[in-house]
Amino acid sequence: MELSEYVQRGFQTLADPGSFDSNAFALLLRAAFQSLLDARADEAALDHPGLKHIDPVVLKHCHAAAATYILEAGKHRVDKSTLSTYLEDCKFDQDRIEIFCTEYQNNKNSLETLLGSIGRALPHVTDVSWRLEYQIKTNQLHKMYRPGYLVTLNVENSDSQSHPEIIFSCSMEQLQDLVGKLKDASKSLERATQL
């Protein structure tokens, strides 16, 4: 797993018993999982009385680092041994590793469900409609006398089964350019499937 220097520093601060005692560590870890898994969670999770003695900047930095690592671990579906190894590399003591692994195992299924719901596929265009429009004036009352096209793409997201529309306006030249590029893409796809 590749984590930025900022995240690694926050994670190492979280591992330091001088910065976070065992109780504060457990509270922050729970808050990180809660903020990721509960859509209604807000910053109130960091307002716990057990975290009041910690500098808010350090608290938010460590919270962001923990949340980032949790998401990365969920994305790569790491097991307990891999998790333990990385935490040892970040100078976590054995008690904190055990707390982290337990909390991770308790929330692993929910985390994977959340990550799976984000989606992996681009929208699929199912229909196109267009309409010719003729602009006579701009909103500054300048005369234009210019034709244009209002194009509506009906798309389908396979991950969420939603059917949103993408609407845009373009000139005749822009529409011709778009059609040409779509024809080129179609020909490239045909050639690729024939190989």
C-alpha atoms as a PDB file:
ATOM      1  CA  MET A   1       0.000   0.000   0.000  1.00  0.00           C
ATOM      2  CA  GLU A   2       1.312   3.401  -0.974  1.00  0.00           C
ATOM      3  CA  LEU A   3       0.408   6.166   1.463  1.00  0.00           C
ATOM      4  CA  SER A   4       1.464   9.794   1.244  1.00  0.00           C
ATOM      5  CA  GLU A   5       4.048  11.253   3.593  1.00  0.00           C
ATOM      6  CA  TYR A   6       1.316  13.311   5.285  1.00  0.00           C
ATOM      7  CA  VAL A   7      -0.758  10.201   6.028  1.00  0.00           C
ATOM      8  CA  GLN A   8       2.291   8.287   7.265  1.00  0.00           C
ATOM      9  CA  ARG A   9       3.213  11.129   9.655  1.00  0.00           C
ATOM     10  CA  GLY A  10      -0.337  11.238  11.014  1.00  0.00           C
ATOM     11  CA  PHE A  11      -0.363   7.496  11.449  1.00  0.00           C
ATOM     12  CA  GLN A  12       2.973   7.536  13.300  1.00  0.00           C
ATOM     13  CA  THR A  13       1.658  10.284  15.601  1.00  0.00           C
ATOM     14  CA  LEU A  14      -1.350   8.075  16.301  1.00  0.00           C
ATOM     15  CA  ALA A  15       1.048   5.259  17.247  1.00  0.00           C
ATOM     16  CA  ASP A  16       2.860   7.459  19.784  1.00  0.00           C
ATOM     17  CA  PRO A  17       1.612   6.760  23.363  1.00  0.00           C
ATOM     18  CA  GLY A  18       2.765  10.265  24.331  1.00  0.00           C
ATOM     19  CA  SER A  19       0.315  11.832  21.867  1.00  0.00           C
ATOM     20  CA  PHE A  20      -2.588   9.393  22.289  1.00  0.00           C
ATOM     21  CA  ASP A  21      -3.100   7.289  25.399  1.00  0.00           C
ATOM     22  CA  SER A  22      -4.850   3.911  24.986  1.00  0.00           C
ATOM     23  CA  ASN A  23      -8.302   5.362  25.652  1.00  0.00           C
ATOM     24  CA  ALA A  24      -7.844   8.274  23.211  1.00  0.00           C
ATOM     25  CA  PHE A  25      -6.449   5.875  20.590  1.00  0.00           C
ATOM     26  CA  ALA A  26      -9.507   3.619  20.843  1.00  0.00           C
ATOM     27  CA  LEU A  27     -11.880   6.599  20.710  1.00  0.00           C
ATOM     28  CA  LEU A  28     -10.190   8.074  17.643  1.00  0.00           C
ATOM     29  CA  LEU A  29     -10.138   4.728  15.879  1.00  0.00           C
ATOM     30  CA  ARG A  30     -13.847   4.212  16.562  1.00  0.00           C
ATOM     31  CA  ALA A  31     -14.538   7.759  15.329  1.00  0.00           C
ATOM     32  CA  ALA A  32     -12.617   7.060  12.100  1.00  0.00           C
ATOM     33  CA  PHE A  33     -14.652   3.920  11.396  1.00  0.00           C
ATOM     34  CA  GLN A  34     -17.879   5.698  12.330  1.00  0.00           C
ATOM     35  CA  SER A  35     -17.176   8.648  10.026  1.00  0.00           C
ATOM     36  CA  LEU A  36     -16.541   6.268   7.125  1.00  0.00           C
ATOM     37  CA  LEU A  37     -19.432   3.874   7.661  1.00  0.00           C
ATOM     38  CA  ASP A  38     -22.186   6.131   9.000  1.00  0.00           C
ATOM     39  CA  ALA A  39     -23.454   8.763   6.569  1.00  0.00           C
ATOM     40  CA  ARG A  40     -24.976  10.729   9.463  1.00  0.00           C
ATOM     41  CA  ALA A  41     -21.698  10.864  11.383  1.00  0.00           C
ATOM     42  CA  ASP A  42     -20.165  14.291  11.650  1.00  0.00           C
ATOM     43  CA  GLU A  43     -17.325  15.953  13.485  1.00  0.00           C
ATOM     44  CA  ALA A  44     -19.166  15.402  16.771  1.00  0.00           C
ATOM     45  CA  ALA A  45     -17.350  12.073  16.964  1.00  0.00           C
ATOM     46  CA  LEU A  46     -14.136  14.023  17.542  1.00  0.00           C
ATOM     47  CA  ASP A  47     -15.797  16.104  20.289  1.00  0.00           C
ATOM     48  CA  HIS A  48     -15.695  13.230  22.763  1.00  0.00           C
ATOM     49  CA  PRO A  49     -14.509  14.353  26.243  1.00  0.00           C
ATOM     50  CA  GLY A  50     -11.723  11.763  26.113  1.00  0.00           C
ATOM     51  CA  LEU A  51     -10.200  13.610  23.140  1.00  0.00           C
ATOM     52  CA  LYS A  52     -10.447  17.192  24.475  1.00  0.00           C
ATOM     53  CA  HIS A  53      -6.844  17.259  25.749  1.00  0.00           C
ATOM     54  CA  ILE A  54      -5.444  16.664  22.235  1.00  0.00           C
ATOM     55  CA  ASP A  55      -4.641  19.585  19.924  1.00  0.00           C
ATOM     56  CA  PRO A  56      -7.507  19.789  17.348  1.00  0.00           C
ATOM     57  CA  VAL A  57      -5.070  20.068  14.428  1.00  0.00           C
ATOM     58  CA  VAL A  58      -3.232  16.911  15.508  1.00  0.00           C
ATOM     59  CA  LEU A  59      -6.554  15.181  16.180  1.00  0.00           C
ATOM     60  CA  LYS A  60      -7.915  15.919  12.697  1.00  0.00           C
ATOM     61  CA  HIS A  61      -4.601  14.991  11.075  1.00  0.00           C
ATOM     62  CA  CYS A  62      -4.539  11.626  12.839  1.00  0.00           C
ATOM     63  CA  HIS A  63      -8.247  11.071  12.145  1.00  0.00           C
ATOM     64  CA  ALA A  64      -7.679  11.678   8.424  1.00  0.00           C
ATOM     65  CA  ALA A  65      -4.625   9.387   8.437  1.00  0.00           C
ATOM     66  CA  ALA A  66      -6.540   6.597  10.194  1.00  0.00           C
ATOM     67  CA  ALA A  67      -9.506   6.949   7.822  1.00  0.00           C
ATOM     68  CA  THR A  68      -7.187   6.896   4.800  1.00  0.00           C
ATOM     69  CA  TYR A  69      -5.414   3.785   6.011  1.00  0.00           C
ATOM     70  CA  ILE A  70      -8.719   2.056   6.811  1.00  0.00           C
ATOM     71  CA  LEU A  71      -9.992   2.779   3.289  1.00  0.00           C
ATOM     72  CA  GLU A  72      -6.760   1.576   1.695  1.00  0.00           C
ATOM     73  CA  ALA A  73      -6.813  -1.593   3.784  1.00  0.00           C
ATOM     74  CA  GLY A  74     -10.421  -2.221   2.771  1.00  0.00           C
ATOM     75  CA  LYS A  75      -9.655  -1.527  -0.870  1.00  0.00           C
ATOM     76  CA  HIS A  76      -6.822  -4.075  -0.876  1.00  0.00           C
ATOM     77  CA  ARG A  77      -8.767  -6.517   1.346  1.00  0.00           C
ATOM     78  CA  VAL A  78      -5.816  -6.979   3.663  1.00  0.00           C
ATOM     79  CA  ASP A  79      -5.821  -9.780   6.196  1.00  0.00           C
ATOM     80  CA  LYS A  80      -4.885  -9.561   9.860  1.00  0.00           C
ATOM     81  CA  SER A  81      -1.231 -10.511   9.341  1.00  0.00           C
ATOM     82  CA  THR A  82      -0.687  -7.867   6.645  1.00  0.00           C
ATOM     83  CA  LEU A  83      -2.440  -5.290   8.804  1.00  0.00           C
ATOM     84  CA  SER A  84      -0.278  -6.214  11.806  1.00  0.00           C
ATOM     85  CA  THR A  85       2.917  -6.027   9.764  1.00  0.00           C
ATOM     86  CA  TYR A  86       2.142  -2.546   8.477  1.00  0.00           C
ATOM     87  CA  LEU A  87       1.166  -1.323  11.952  1.00  0.00           C
ATOM     88  CA  GLU A  88       4.417  -2.702  13.374  1.00  0.00           C
ATOM     89  CA  ASP A  89       6.323  -0.819  10.663  1.00  0.00           C
ATOM     90  CA  CYS A  90       4.564   2.365  11.815  1.00  0.00           C
ATOM     91  CA  LYS A  91       5.786   1.742  15.397  1.00  0.00           C
ATOM     92  CA  PHE A  92       2.435   0.659  16.868  1.00  0.00           C
ATOM     93  CA  ASP A  93       2.767  -1.345  20.089  1.00  0.00           C
ATOM     94  CA  GLN A  94       1.147  -4.773  20.417  1.00  0.00           C
ATOM     95  CA  ASP A  95      -1.916  -3.520  22.350  1.00  0.00           C
ATOM     96  CA  ARG A  96      -2.721  -0.909  19.715  1.00  0.00           C
ATOM     97  CA  ILE A  97      -2.223  -3.424  16.916  1.00  0.00           C
ATOM     98  CA  GLU A  98      -4.693  -5.751  18.617  1.00  0.00           C
ATOM     99  CA  ILE A  99      -7.238  -2.928  19.102  1.00  0.00           C
ATOM    100  CA  PHE A 100      -6.865  -1.828  15.476  1.00  0.00           C
ATOM    101  CA  CYS A 101      -7.154  -5.372  14.088  1.00  0.00           C
ATOM    102  CA  THR A 102     -10.211  -6.134  16.218  1.00  0.00           C
ATOM    103  CA  GLU A 103     -11.967  -2.935  15.160  1.00  0.00           C
ATOM    104  CA  TYR A 104     -11.037  -3.577  11.528  1.00  0.00           C
ATOM    105  CA  GLN A 105     -12.339  -7.163  11.620  1.00  0.00           C
ATOM    106  CA  ASN A 106     -15.589  -5.992  13.244  1.00  0.00           C
ATOM    107  CA  ASN A 107     -16.178  -3.451  10.473  1.00  0.00           C
ATOM    108  CA  LYS A 108     -14.574  -5.231   7.507  1.00  0.00           C
ATOM    109  CA  ASN A 109     -17.793  -6.440   5.868  1.00  0.00           C
ATOM    110  CA  SER A 110     -19.462  -3.030   6.156  1.00  0.00           C
ATOM    111  CA  LEU A 111     -16.347  -1.360   4.774  1.00  0.00           C
ATOM    112  CA  GLU A 112     -16.173  -3.694   1.779  1.00  0.00           C
ATOM    113  CA  THR A 113     -19.885  -3.141   1.111  1.00  0.00           C
ATOM    114  CA  LEU A 114     -19.350   0.627   1.217  1.00  0.00           C
ATOM    115  CA  LEU A 115     -16.356   0.467  -1.129  1.00  0.00           C
ATOM    116  CA  GLY A 116     -18.228  -1.841  -3.501  1.00  0.00           C
ATOM    117  CA  SER A 117     -21.156   0.564  -3.720  1.00  0.00           C
ATOM    118  CA  ILE A 118     -18.981   3.404  -4.981  1.00  0.00           C
ATOM    119  CA  GLY A 119     -18.856   1.879  -8.432  1.00  0.00           C
ATOM    120  CA  ARG A 120     -16.312   0.885 -11.001  1.00  0.00           C
ATOM    121  CA  ALA A 121     -17.940   1.471 -14.366  1.00  0.00           C
ATOM    122  CA  LEU A 122     -18.437   4.533 -16.498  1.00  0.00           C
ATOM    123  CA  PRO A 123     -21.991   5.434 -17.519  1.00  0.00           C
ATOM    124  CA  HIS A 124     -23.342   3.679 -20.607  1.00  0.00           C
ATOM    125  CA  VAL A 125     -25.069   5.867 -23.222  1.00  0.00           C
ATOM    126  CA  THR A 126     -28.467   4.347 -23.995  1.00  0.00           C
ATOM    127  CA  ASP A 127     -30.073   7.058 -26.133  1.00  0.00           C
ATOM    128  CA  VAL A 128     -29.347  10.406 -27.752  1.00  0.00           C
ATOM    129  CA  SER A 129     -31.817  13.124 -28.620  1.00  0.00           C
ATOM    130  CA  TRP A 130     -31.157  16.549 -30.057  1.00  0.00           C
ATOM    131  CA  ARG A 131     -32.939  19.710 -30.954  1.00  0.00           C
ATOM    132  CA  LEU A 132     -31.945  22.626 -33.171  1.00  0.00           C
ATOM    133  CA  GLU A 133     -31.965  25.990 -31.475  1.00  0.00           C
ATOM    134  CA  TYR A 134     -31.396  29.369 -33.022  1.00  0.00           C
ATOM    135  CA  GLN A 135     -29.872  32.086 -30.878  1.00  0.00           C
ATOM    136  CA  ILE A 136     -31.015  35.537 -31.843  1.00  0.00           C
ATOM    137  CA  LYS A 137     -29.628  37.533 -28.922  1.00  0.00           C
ATOM    138  CA  THR A 138     -27.306  36.978 -25.986  1.00  0.00           C
ATOM    139  CA  ASN A 139     -28.223  37.835 -22.424  1.00  0.00           C
ATOM    140  CA  GLN A 140     -26.432  41.185 -23.025  1.00  0.00           C
ATOM    141  CA  LEU A 141     -28.861  41.856 -25.906  1.00  0.00           C
ATOM    142  CA  HIS A 142     -26.191  41.526 -28.601  1.00  0.00           C
ATOM    143  CA  LYS A 143     -27.543  40.153 -31.859  1.00  0.00           C
ATOM    144  CA  MET A 144     -26.086  36.750 -32.747  1.00  0.00           C
ATOM    145  CA  TYR A 145     -28.209  34.914 -35.350  1.00  0.00           C
ATOM    146  CA  ARG A 146     -26.397  31.625 -34.767  1.00  0.00           C
ATOM    147  CA  PRO A 147     -27.754  28.069 -34.950  1.00  0.00           C
ATOM    148  CA  GLY A 148     -26.868  25.603 -32.224  1.00  0.00           C
ATOM    149  CA  TYR A 149     -27.801  22.148 -31.058  1.00  0.00           C
ATOM    150  CA  LEU A 150     -29.101  21.073 -27.680  1.00  0.00           C
ATOM    151  CA  VAL A 151     -28.013  17.439 -27.194  1.00  0.00           C
ATOM    152  CA  THR A 152     -29.342  15.121 -24.489  1.00  0.00           C
ATOM    153  CA  LEU A 153     -27.524  11.872 -23.698  1.00  0.00           C
ATOM    154  CA  ASN A 154     -29.520   9.337 -21.716  1.00  0.00           C
ATOM    155  CA  VAL A 155     -27.057   7.272 -19.700  1.00  0.00           C
ATOM    156  CA  GLU A 156     -27.316   4.265 -17.435  1.00  0.00           C
ATOM    157  CA  ASN A 157     -25.058   3.547 -14.482  1.00  0.00           C
ATOM    158  CA  SER A 158     -24.693  -0.208 -14.194  1.00  0.00           C
ATOM    159  CA  ASP A 159     -23.586   0.052 -10.550  1.00  0.00           C
ATOM    160  CA  SER A 160     -26.498   2.131  -9.297  1.00  0.00           C
ATOM    161  CA  GLN A 161     -29.169   1.391 -11.914  1.00  0.00           C
ATOM    162  CA  SER A 162     -29.890   5.130 -12.217  1.00  0.00           C
ATOM    163  CA  HIS A 163     -30.764   6.801 -15.519  1.00  0.00           C
ATOM    164  CA  PRO A 164     -29.495  10.397 -15.430  1.00  0.00           C
ATOM    165  CA  GLU A 165     -29.324  12.699 -18.439  1.00  0.00           C
ATOM    166  CA  ILE A 166     -26.324  14.650 -19.691  1.00  0.00           C
ATOM    167  CA  ILE A 167     -27.410  17.807 -21.490  1.00  0.00           C
ATOM    168  CA  PHE A 168     -25.100  20.120 -23.422  1.00  0.00           C
ATOM    169  CA  SER A 169     -25.259  22.754 -26.114  1.00  0.00           C
ATOM    170  CA  CYS A 170     -22.876  22.951 -29.058  1.00  0.00           C
ATOM    171  CA  SER A 171     -22.379  24.624 -32.422  1.00  0.00           C
ATOM    172  CA  MET A 172     -22.677  22.798 -35.733  1.00  0.00           C
ATOM    173  CA  GLU A 173     -18.869  22.519 -35.986  1.00  0.00           C
ATOM    174  CA  GLN A 174     -18.591  21.085 -32.476  1.00  0.00           C
ATOM    175  CA  LEU A 175     -21.348  18.566 -33.195  1.00  0.00           C
ATOM    176  CA  GLN A 176     -19.654  17.505 -36.438  1.00  0.00           C
ATOM    177  CA  ASP A 177     -16.385  17.096 -34.537  1.00  0.00           C
ATOM    178  CA  LEU A 178     -18.145  14.954 -31.899  1.00  0.00           C
ATOM    179  CA  VAL A 179     -19.796  12.766 -34.545  1.00  0.00           C
ATOM    180  CA  GLY A 180     -16.444  12.328 -36.319  1.00  0.00           C
ATOM    181  CA  LYS A 181     -14.718  11.283 -33.108  1.00  0.00           C
ATOM    182  CA  LEU A 182     -17.516   8.834 -32.313  1.00  0.00           C
ATOM    183  CA  LYS A 183     -17.183   7.299 -35.786  1.00  0.00           C
ATOM    184  CA  ASP A 184     -13.407   6.983 -35.279  1.00  0.00           C
ATOM    185  CA  ALA A 185     -13.956   5.326 -31.910  1.00  0.00           C
ATOM    186  CA  SER A 186     -16.506   2.932 -33.418  1.00  0.00           C
ATOM    187  CA  LYS A 187     -14.103   1.948 -36.220  1.00  0.00           C
ATOM    188  CA  SER A 188     -11.267   1.419 -33.720  1.00  0.00           C
ATOM    189  CA  LEU A 189     -13.510  -0.788 -31.620  1.00  0.00           C
ATOM    190  CA  GLU A 190     -14.524  -2.847 -34.677  1.00  0.00           C
ATOM    191  CA  ARG A 191     -10.863  -3.335 -35.620  1.00  0.00           C
ATOM    192  CA  ALA A 192      -9.964  -4.348 -32.063  1.00  0.00           C
ATOM    193  CA  THR A 193     -12.738  -6.962 -31.913  1.00  0.00           C
ATOM    194  CA  GLN A 194     -11.675  -8.489 -35.245  1.00  0.00           C
ATOM    195  CA  LEU A 195      -8.149  -9.262 -34.018  1.00  0.00           C
END
